[in-house]
Every structure is written in structure tokens, then in C-alpha cells.
Protein backbone atom coordinates (compact mmCIF):
# COMPACT_ATOMS: atom_id res chain seq x y z
CA MET A 1 74.32 142.64 115.57
CA LYS A 2 75.43 139.63 113.92
CA LYS A 3 76.23 139.79 110.17
CA LEU A 4 73.55 137.28 109.54
CA ILE A 5 70.99 135.44 111.68
CA ALA A 6 71.09 131.79 110.81
CA LEU A 7 68.10 130.18 109.55
CA PHE A 8 68.15 126.32 109.77
CA ALA A 9 64.77 124.86 108.53
CA VAL A 10 64.32 121.18 108.67
CA SER A 11 61.42 119.32 107.33
CA THR A 12 61.32 115.67 108.27
CA MET A 13 58.98 113.21 106.57
CA ALA A 14 58.38 109.83 108.09
CA SER A 15 55.86 107.36 107.04
CA THR A 16 55.36 103.62 107.28
CA SER A 17 53.45 101.25 105.09
CA ALA A 18 53.29 97.42 104.96
CA ILE A 19 53.01 95.40 101.72
CA ALA A 20 53.46 91.82 101.89
CA GLY A 21 55.67 91.96 104.99
CA ILE A 22 57.59 94.92 103.87
CA ALA A 23 57.65 98.15 105.93
CA LEU A 24 58.78 101.31 104.31
CA SER A 25 59.78 104.52 106.07
CA GLY A 26 61.71 107.72 105.24
CA ALA A 27 63.17 111.10 106.24
CA ALA A 28 64.11 114.20 104.41
CA SER A 29 65.54 117.58 105.59
CA VAL A 30 67.00 120.90 104.16
CA SER A 31 69.02 123.31 106.17
CA TYR A 32 70.73 126.72 105.97
CA ASP A 33 73.19 128.00 108.55
CA ASP A 34 75.16 131.17 108.70
CA ASN A 35 78.37 129.33 110.20
CA GLY A 36 79.49 132.26 112.06
CA SER A 37 82.46 133.99 110.37
CA SER A 38 82.68 131.28 107.73
CA PRO A 39 80.60 131.20 104.52
CA SER A 40 76.89 130.25 104.93
CA GLU A 41 75.72 126.82 103.55
CA THR A 42 72.82 124.87 102.59
CA THR A 43 72.58 121.08 102.91
CA TYR A 44 70.00 118.44 102.02
CA ASP A 45 69.31 114.88 103.17
CA ALA A 46 66.83 112.30 102.14
CA ASP A 47 66.83 108.73 103.27
CA LEU A 48 64.59 105.55 102.83
CA SER A 49 64.52 102.39 104.83
CA PHE A 50 62.96 99.03 103.81
CA VAL A 51 62.26 96.33 106.41
CA GLY A 52 61.14 92.79 105.20
CA THR A 53 59.89 90.27 107.64
CA ALA A 54 59.24 86.63 107.22
CA GLY A 55 58.76 84.54 110.38
CA GLY A 56 61.84 84.95 112.62
CA THR A 57 64.00 86.55 109.77
CA THR A 58 64.36 90.19 109.10
CA VAL A 59 66.12 92.00 106.14
CA THR A 60 66.93 95.74 106.53
CA ILE A 61 68.04 97.83 103.55
CA GLY A 62 68.90 101.65 103.89
CA ALA A 63 69.49 104.08 101.03
CA ASP A 64 70.47 107.66 100.48
CA VAL A 65 68.36 109.25 97.79
CA ASP A 66 69.14 112.92 97.92
CA GLY A 67 71.74 112.77 95.39
CA ALA A 68 71.57 111.97 91.56
CA THR A 69 71.65 108.36 92.20
CA PHE A 70 70.08 105.82 94.59
CA SER A 71 72.84 104.84 96.99
CA THR A 72 72.72 101.91 99.40
CA THR A 73 73.79 102.85 102.97
CA GLY A 74 73.11 99.37 104.72
CA ALA A 75 71.95 95.91 104.17
CA THR A 76 71.53 93.31 106.96
CA LEU A 77 69.88 90.03 107.45
CA ALA A 78 69.05 88.72 111.03
CA THR A 79 67.55 85.39 111.95
CA THR A 80 66.94 83.13 114.99
CA VAL A 81 67.48 79.54 115.10
CA GLY A 82 66.80 78.05 118.42
CA PRO A 83 69.29 79.61 120.91
CA LEU A 84 71.33 80.97 118.07
CA THR A 85 70.92 84.59 116.64
CA ILE A 86 72.72 85.21 113.34
CA SER A 87 73.26 88.59 111.84
CA ALA A 88 74.87 89.18 108.44
CA ASP A 89 76.12 92.71 107.39
CA MET A 90 76.01 92.52 103.58
CA HIS A 91 76.98 96.00 102.61
CA ASP A 92 80.53 97.36 102.80
CA ALA A 93 79.80 101.23 103.60
CA ASP A 94 82.29 103.73 102.36
CA GLU A 95 84.51 105.11 105.12
CA ASP A 96 86.24 108.49 105.22
CA ASN A 97 89.83 107.84 104.59
CA ASN A 98 90.91 111.45 104.27
CA ASN A 99 93.80 112.91 106.27
CA ASP A 100 91.84 115.76 107.70
CA GLY A 101 93.13 115.69 111.24
CA ASP A 102 90.45 113.79 112.92
CA GLY A 103 92.15 110.29 112.98
CA ASP A 104 90.37 108.60 109.99
CA TYR A 105 91.51 105.16 108.87
CA ARG A 106 94.33 105.12 106.40
CA THR A 107 92.70 102.30 104.32
CA ASP A 108 89.19 101.37 103.61
CA GLN A 109 87.64 99.20 106.29
CA ASP A 110 85.59 96.09 105.24
CA ASP A 111 82.61 96.21 107.66
CA THR A 112 80.79 93.32 106.17
CA GLY A 113 80.67 90.06 108.22
CA VAL A 114 78.63 87.53 110.19
CA THR A 115 77.94 87.57 113.86
CA VAL A 116 76.67 84.52 115.84
CA SER A 117 75.21 84.85 119.32
CA LEU A 118 74.44 82.07 121.54
CA ASP A 119 72.14 82.55 124.39
CA ALA A 120 74.05 80.05 126.48
CA PRO A 121 72.90 78.53 129.73
CA ILE A 122 75.40 80.23 131.92
CA GLY A 123 73.19 82.56 134.08
CA ASP A 124 72.09 85.58 132.32
CA ALA A 125 75.20 85.80 130.06
CA THR A 126 75.17 85.70 126.15
CA VAL A 127 78.11 84.44 124.22
CA GLY A 128 78.76 85.73 120.64
CA LEU A 129 81.28 84.92 117.84
CA ASP A 130 81.88 86.79 114.64
CA ASN A 131 83.58 85.97 111.46
CA SER A 132 86.91 87.58 112.57
CA GLY A 133 87.10 85.29 115.30
CA ASN A 134 86.20 87.78 118.00
CA VAL A 135 84.37 86.39 121.05
CA SER A 136 82.16 88.41 123.08
CA VAL A 137 80.41 87.78 126.52
CA SER A 138 77.74 89.97 127.89
CA GLY A 139 75.13 90.05 130.79
CA THR A 140 73.78 91.70 133.85
CA PHE A 141 74.79 90.53 137.28
CA SER A 142 73.66 92.23 140.47
CA GLY A 143 72.41 95.11 138.55
CA VAL A 144 75.68 95.61 136.65
CA THR A 145 75.74 95.17 132.89
CA VAL A 146 78.94 93.84 131.62
CA ALA A 147 80.16 93.24 128.09
CA HIS A 148 83.60 91.95 127.22
CA THR A 149 84.99 91.23 123.70
CA ILE A 150 88.11 89.26 123.10
CA LYS A 151 90.14 90.34 120.15
CA ASN A 152 93.88 89.80 119.38
CA GLY A 153 95.68 92.49 121.37
CA ALA A 154 92.66 94.75 121.62
CA ASP A 155 90.11 93.33 124.26
CA THR A 156 87.28 95.59 124.95
CA THR A 157 85.29 95.73 128.29
CA THR A 158 82.29 97.76 129.03
CA GLY A 159 80.51 98.04 132.40
CA SER A 160 77.37 99.99 133.14
CA ALA A 161 75.01 100.37 136.26
CA SER A 162 72.63 102.64 137.95
CA ILE A 163 73.81 103.38 141.53
CA ALA A 164 72.16 105.83 143.86
CA GLY A 165 70.46 107.83 141.07
CA MET A 166 73.57 107.84 138.96
CA ASP A 167 73.90 106.13 135.53
CA ILE A 168 77.47 105.10 135.21
CA SER A 169 79.28 103.52 132.22
CA VAL A 170 83.03 102.63 132.05
CA THR A 171 84.72 101.31 128.93
CA ASN A 172 88.30 99.94 128.50
CA ASP A 173 89.41 99.56 124.82
CA ALA A 174 92.75 97.88 124.50
CA GLY A 175 94.00 99.53 127.64
CA ASP A 176 92.41 103.03 126.89
CA THR A 177 89.67 103.68 129.55
CA SER A 178 86.82 106.09 129.25
CA TRP A 179 83.67 106.79 131.32
CA THR A 180 80.42 108.78 131.65
CA ILE A 181 78.26 109.65 134.62
CA GLY A 182 74.72 111.01 134.34
CA THR A 183 72.28 112.05 137.08
CA THR A 184 69.41 114.46 137.75
CA VAL A 185 69.54 117.15 140.42
CA SER A 186 66.56 119.38 141.27
CA GLY A 187 65.21 118.75 137.71
CA VAL A 188 68.51 119.30 135.96
CA ALA A 189 69.98 116.43 133.88
CA LEU A 190 73.81 116.54 134.15
CA THR A 191 76.22 114.34 132.22
CA LEU A 192 79.90 114.19 132.70
CA SER A 193 82.45 112.25 130.67
CA SER A 194 86.21 111.46 131.08
CA ASP A 195 86.78 113.82 128.09
CA ASN A 196 85.95 116.64 130.39
CA ASP A 197 82.66 117.17 128.59
CA VAL A 198 79.76 118.49 130.67
CA THR A 199 76.13 118.73 129.65
CA ALA A 200 73.26 120.35 131.74
CA ALA A 201 69.58 120.35 130.56
CA PHE A 202 66.73 122.01 132.27
CA GLY A 203 63.38 123.64 131.75
CA LEU A 204 59.56 122.92 131.79
CA THR A 205 57.79 120.53 129.72
CA GLY A 206 58.14 121.54 126.01
CA ASN A 207 60.68 124.18 126.97
CA THR A 208 64.30 123.17 127.38
CA MET A 209 67.68 124.90 127.67
CA THR A 210 70.79 122.71 127.33
CA ILE A 211 74.22 124.08 128.14
CA SER A 212 77.17 121.93 126.85
CA HIS A 213 80.85 122.16 127.47
CA PHE A 214 83.34 120.19 125.40
CA GLY A 215 86.87 119.86 126.87
CA ALA A 216 90.00 120.30 124.93
CA ALA A 217 91.22 117.13 123.17
CA ALA A 218 95.01 116.40 122.97
CA SER A 219 96.47 115.44 119.67
CA LYS A 220 97.13 111.71 118.87
CA SER A 221 100.04 110.50 116.59
CA ALA A 222 99.42 108.50 113.44
CA THR A 223 99.96 104.79 113.36
CA ALA A 224 103.59 104.02 112.44
CA ILE A 225 104.53 102.03 109.19
CA GLN A 226 105.24 98.54 109.91
CA ALA A 227 108.69 97.08 109.28
CA ASN A 228 107.60 95.81 105.72
CA GLY A 229 106.49 99.33 104.76
CA VAL A 230 102.69 98.21 104.66
CA TYR A 231 100.14 99.80 107.04
CA ALA A 232 98.12 97.56 109.22
CA SER A 233 94.33 97.32 108.25
CA ASP A 234 93.37 99.36 111.24
CA ALA A 235 96.14 101.96 110.92
CA LYS A 236 94.84 105.60 111.39
CA TYR A 237 96.09 109.15 110.62
CA SER A 238 96.96 111.56 113.39
CA THR A 239 94.35 113.42 115.29
CA ALA A 240 94.80 117.19 115.57
CA ALA A 241 94.40 118.78 119.05
CA ALA A 242 90.93 120.54 119.59
CA ALA A 243 90.27 123.55 121.70
CA ALA A 244 87.45 123.50 124.24
CA TYR A 245 84.20 125.09 123.30
CA THR A 246 80.55 125.76 124.76
CA THR A 247 77.20 125.64 123.16
CA VAL A 248 73.90 126.92 124.45
CA ALA A 249 70.63 125.43 123.02
CA ILE A 250 67.12 126.64 123.63
CA SER A 251 64.22 124.70 122.17
CA ARG A 252 60.43 125.06 122.38
CA SER A 253 57.69 122.54 121.28
CA LEU A 254 54.63 124.26 119.69
CA THR A 255 51.03 122.98 119.80
CA SER A 256 51.23 122.64 115.86
CA GLY A 257 53.70 119.71 116.38
CA ALA A 258 56.81 121.67 115.33
CA THR A 259 59.73 122.36 117.39
CA LEU A 260 61.74 125.66 117.36
CA SER A 261 65.36 125.89 118.67
CA ALA A 262 68.32 128.25 118.64
CA THR A 263 71.79 127.19 119.28
CA TYR A 264 74.90 129.32 119.96
CA LYS A 265 78.40 128.06 119.67
CA ASP A 266 81.17 130.22 121.15
CA SER A 267 84.10 128.62 119.17
CA ASP A 268 83.08 130.12 115.79
CA ASP A 269 80.41 132.59 117.09
CA SER A 270 77.81 130.88 115.13
CA LEU A 271 73.98 131.04 115.82
CA THR A 272 71.54 128.37 114.40
CA LEU A 273 67.82 128.71 114.33
CA LYS A 274 66.09 125.47 113.55
CA ALA A 275 62.46 124.66 112.82
CA SER A 276 61.70 120.85 112.59
CA VAL A 277 58.69 118.68 112.38
CA ALA A 278 58.30 114.79 112.47
CA PHE A 279 55.30 112.75 111.62
């Protein structure tokens, strides 16, 4: 018998109200997990979202309120002027810059900026330009959705389509290609990715079992120091190799509106029981 049966209780509160064009919503949770052979832990989370709308302009502000202070997590403004859509990210979120083996950035990333998209009269394509000078082109052609972003030395192209019952997505990021394939066979939803990750979900309505296998990941070297001894703004720490692992999750929806689930992870022999409700 396990040393301890994990109890993961989540209570989610979601509500929305409108006052002079302002919508307020929120979510809160508390959890306890036995963490297998590691010490158990309890975590909390509470968030608020404010959305203000005036004509074709929307301002969205997010906040983390479970700590001792009110912490802003996001602030964006979006508006439409004729064929132009303008989006301004006004909050620089704090990134994780710790060298903990998962390839974090070495320096803080400034993710504020302005993106201008033009619904140009070139078929079904949309052309976008952000404040970094990156140009993007996206559209759907003959059932295939393609998005291409032109960046200095790091172009990104993504293509997706539904073919013969399969949802396929391929991404090339500065020469590094990844892909995912999803399909349903005899009521079983299958997903396969280029990282050797496989997920199978099946069951009756309200009762689902999901088996997921995550393939081993190879290590990646850290970004080298430039000739002048200064790291580039997008330099990253090394990424440690990760062993493959499998999870099995069983969930059941109750007539009360709550959902119960149990998840087992073989890499650390942990079992998590979860009770959740959203309203």
C-alpha cells in the first residue's frame, strides 16, 4: 500500500459581471499531492481578469491575488481601425531565468510590444508586422492553414490541415522541425508527436481514461558566449536530458457538477486524486 494516498482538492470559482463595459472573472484553487517518494505539498492559486470594452477597443488586465500583494500578470490593448488590427502588450511579465536544467533564458526577456496586422487583399492571407520588425503572413489555402514569420536568422513556418480524418500540424522554427498528428479510431482519440509522445483517451460520456507516454528528451547545450563576452538577448542555459515516463488518468463527471479524477505517474510512483468544480 502506498505510504500515502494523494488528495488533490481543487475548488474553482468563476464569475462574470459587467459594470459600464467592464467584465470581471476569477478562479481560485487549493491542492495537496503526496508527490510519490518526495515530500507532499500544498499549493494555492487565485486569479482575477478584468476586460473593458469600448466600441472596437478592448483592454484586458490579469492579476495574481493569492499572495500578500496584488500582482499584475498581463495588460493588453487591442483595437481595429479599418483593415488594421493593433495589439499592444503593455506588461513585461517576469520570466524564469534560473539555471535549473530546463533551458531557461539567461537574461530577462522584454515581452512588451506592439503588433499591427493587415487583412490585406491577397486572397485569404493576413499580413502582420510587430515592433521588432518581424513580418508574418498567414492564411488558409485549399484546406491547409499556413503561417510564416520572417525574423532575422530565425524564420518560423507552421502548417496544419485535416486530411482523411487526421489533424496534422508541422512547425519549422529556425531549421528545427516538429510535428503532431491526431486522429480518432473506434472511439479512441490518439495523438502522436515528433517528441515520441503518445496519448490515447477513451471511455463513455462523463467517464474517461487517458494513457499518455512521454518520450525521452536529449540534452541541449547552452548558448555560447559571444566574442565580446556578452550573451545574446535570447541566449539560453543548457537543457538536461529527461527519461521517458507514462501517466494513466481516470476521470468521472458527477451529477453534482463536480469531476473526480485519479492520475498515476510511473516516473516517481505518485498518485494524485483530484476533485474539481467550475461554475
